[in-house]
Amino acid sequence: MKGNLDIGGKMVRVILGMVIIWAGVFNGSWWGILGVAPIIVALLGWCPIAAFGVLCSKTGWPKKDDIPKKGKPCCCSGQKAV
């Protein structure tokens, strides 16, 4: 499986995961366990949300010209836009 995250996206997810875990531990809540998910995503280098075309470009939000037209393949998933 090809990764769809760049180094910046991975760093943001690791930091976000650590903050969520810290907040859960600090507050004595089990909600902190949710912080594991962004860390796992960063370690894998593949984000399931990005696979659906959200943040289709590794460099950030797609430009207006990069948004697939009807019937054209998306820039990262290869699926055709509807």
C-alpha atoms as a PDB file:
ATOM      1  CA  MET A   1       0.000   0.000   0.000  1.00  0.00           C
ATOM      2  CA  LYS A   2       1.432   3.342  -1.048  1.00  0.00           C
ATOM      3  CA  GLY A   3       1.575   6.025   1.654  1.00  0.00           C
ATOM      4  CA  ASN A   4      -0.432   9.194   1.168  1.00  0.00           C
ATOM      5  CA  LEU A   5       1.088  11.338   3.942  1.00  0.00           C
ATOM      6  CA  ASP A   6       4.120  13.558   3.780  1.00  0.00           C
ATOM      7  CA  ILE A   7       6.482  14.139   6.717  1.00  0.00           C
ATOM      8  CA  GLY A   8       4.551  17.231   7.871  1.00  0.00           C
ATOM      9  CA  GLY A   9       1.273  15.303   8.016  1.00  0.00           C
ATOM     10  CA  LYS A  10       2.936  12.535   9.982  1.00  0.00           C
ATOM     11  CA  MET A  11       4.429  14.983  12.488  1.00  0.00           C
ATOM     12  CA  VAL A  12       1.087  16.727  13.023  1.00  0.00           C
ATOM     13  CA  ARG A  13      -0.644  13.394  13.657  1.00  0.00           C
ATOM     14  CA  VAL A  14       2.000  12.214  16.139  1.00  0.00           C
ATOM     15  CA  ILE A  15       1.840  15.501  18.071  1.00  0.00           C
ATOM     16  CA  LEU A  16      -1.974  15.497  18.005  1.00  0.00           C
ATOM     17  CA  GLY A  17      -2.050  11.890  19.221  1.00  0.00           C
ATOM     18  CA  MET A  18       0.352  12.658  22.059  1.00  0.00           C
ATOM     19  CA  VAL A  19      -1.727  15.675  23.123  1.00  0.00           C
ATOM     20  CA  ILE A  20      -4.923  13.594  23.143  1.00  0.00           C
ATOM     21  CA  ILE A  21      -3.244  10.849  25.179  1.00  0.00           C
ATOM     22  CA  TRP A  22      -1.807  13.428  27.600  1.00  0.00           C
ATOM     23  CA  ALA A  23      -5.232  15.076  28.011  1.00  0.00           C
ATOM     24  CA  GLY A  24      -6.819  11.694  28.735  1.00  0.00           C
ATOM     25  CA  VAL A  25      -4.175  10.808  31.333  1.00  0.00           C
ATOM     26  CA  PHE A  26      -4.300  14.295  32.890  1.00  0.00           C
ATOM     27  CA  ASN A  27      -8.092  14.157  33.213  1.00  0.00           C
ATOM     28  CA  GLY A  28      -8.172  10.512  34.254  1.00  0.00           C
ATOM     29  CA  SER A  29     -10.347   9.636  31.269  1.00  0.00           C
ATOM     30  CA  TRP A  30     -10.365   6.680  28.922  1.00  0.00           C
ATOM     31  CA  TRP A  31     -10.881   9.102  26.042  1.00  0.00           C
ATOM     32  CA  GLY A  32      -7.109   9.441  25.861  1.00  0.00           C
ATOM     33  CA  ILE A  33      -6.944   6.033  24.188  1.00  0.00           C
ATOM     34  CA  LEU A  34      -8.259   7.730  21.017  1.00  0.00           C
ATOM     35  CA  GLY A  35      -4.860   9.401  20.698  1.00  0.00           C
ATOM     36  CA  VAL A  36      -3.421   6.084  19.581  1.00  0.00           C
ATOM     37  CA  ALA A  37      -5.290   6.271  16.238  1.00  0.00           C
ATOM     38  CA  PRO A  38      -3.450   9.312  14.783  1.00  0.00           C
ATOM     39  CA  ILE A  39      -0.120   7.875  15.943  1.00  0.00           C
ATOM     40  CA  ILE A  40      -0.834   4.574  14.172  1.00  0.00           C
ATOM     41  CA  VAL A  41      -1.870   6.477  11.029  1.00  0.00           C
ATOM     42  CA  ALA A  42       1.410   8.425  11.147  1.00  0.00           C
ATOM     43  CA  LEU A  43       3.479   5.265  11.606  1.00  0.00           C
ATOM     44  CA  LEU A  44       1.737   3.571   8.680  1.00  0.00           C
ATOM     45  CA  GLY A  45       2.015   6.694   6.514  1.00  0.00           C
ATOM     46  CA  TRP A  46      -1.450   6.051   5.106  1.00  0.00           C
ATOM     47  CA  CYS A  47      -4.541   8.018   6.112  1.00  0.00           C
ATOM     48  CA  PRO A  48      -7.917   6.473   5.275  1.00  0.00           C
ATOM     49  CA  ILE A  49      -9.572   9.898   5.036  1.00  0.00           C
ATOM     50  CA  ALA A  50      -7.037  11.059   2.456  1.00  0.00           C
ATOM     51  CA  ALA A  51      -7.702   7.865   0.488  1.00  0.00           C
ATOM     52  CA  PHE A  52     -11.246   9.114  -0.177  1.00  0.00           C
ATOM     53  CA  GLY A  53      -9.909  12.204  -1.917  1.00  0.00           C
ATOM     54  CA  VAL A  54      -9.898  14.600   1.025  1.00  0.00           C
ATOM     55  CA  LEU A  55      -6.563  16.410   0.918  1.00  0.00           C
ATOM     56  CA  CYS A  56      -5.981  14.713  -2.405  1.00  0.00           C
ATOM     57  CA  SER A  57      -2.586  16.346  -2.817  1.00  0.00           C
ATOM     58  CA  LYS A  58       0.442  15.645  -0.611  1.00  0.00           C
ATOM     59  CA  THR A  59       1.204  19.366  -0.686  1.00  0.00           C
ATOM     60  CA  GLY A  60      -2.065  20.392   0.967  1.00  0.00           C
ATOM     61  CA  TRP A  61      -5.533  21.283  -0.229  1.00  0.00           C
ATOM     62  CA  PRO A  62      -6.078  20.693  -3.925  1.00  0.00           C
ATOM     63  CA  LYS A  63      -6.093  23.741  -6.155  1.00  0.00           C
ATOM     64  CA  LYS A  64      -9.240  24.565  -8.077  1.00  0.00           C
ATOM     65  CA  ASP A  65      -7.658  23.211 -11.266  1.00  0.00           C
ATOM     66  CA  ASP A  66      -6.715  19.944  -9.498  1.00  0.00           C
ATOM     67  CA  ILE A  67     -10.297  19.076  -8.526  1.00  0.00           C
ATOM     68  CA  PRO A  68     -11.321  16.237 -10.839  1.00  0.00           C
ATOM     69  CA  LYS A  69     -13.982  16.970 -13.399  1.00  0.00           C
ATOM     70  CA  LYS A  70     -16.909  14.631 -13.866  1.00  0.00           C
ATOM     71  CA  GLY A  71     -15.643  11.327 -15.237  1.00  0.00           C
ATOM     72  CA  LYS A  72     -11.941  12.165 -14.748  1.00  0.00           C
ATOM     73  CA  PRO A  73      -9.806  10.175 -12.270  1.00  0.00           C
ATOM     74  CA  CYS A  74      -8.938  11.719  -8.911  1.00  0.00           C
ATOM     75  CA  CYS A  75      -5.297  12.719  -8.461  1.00  0.00           C
ATOM     76  CA  CYS A  76      -4.517  10.103  -5.801  1.00  0.00           C
ATOM     77  CA  SER A  77      -7.192   7.430  -5.688  1.00  0.00           C
ATOM     78  CA  GLY A  78      -7.618   6.744  -9.379  1.00  0.00           C
ATOM     79  CA  GLN A  79     -11.385   6.641  -8.849  1.00  0.00           C
ATOM     80  CA  LYS A  80     -13.532   8.632 -11.199  1.00  0.00           C
ATOM     81  CA  ALA A  81     -15.359  11.695  -9.884  1.00  0.00           C
ATOM     82  CA  VAL A  82     -19.131  11.569 -10.071  1.00  0.00           C
END
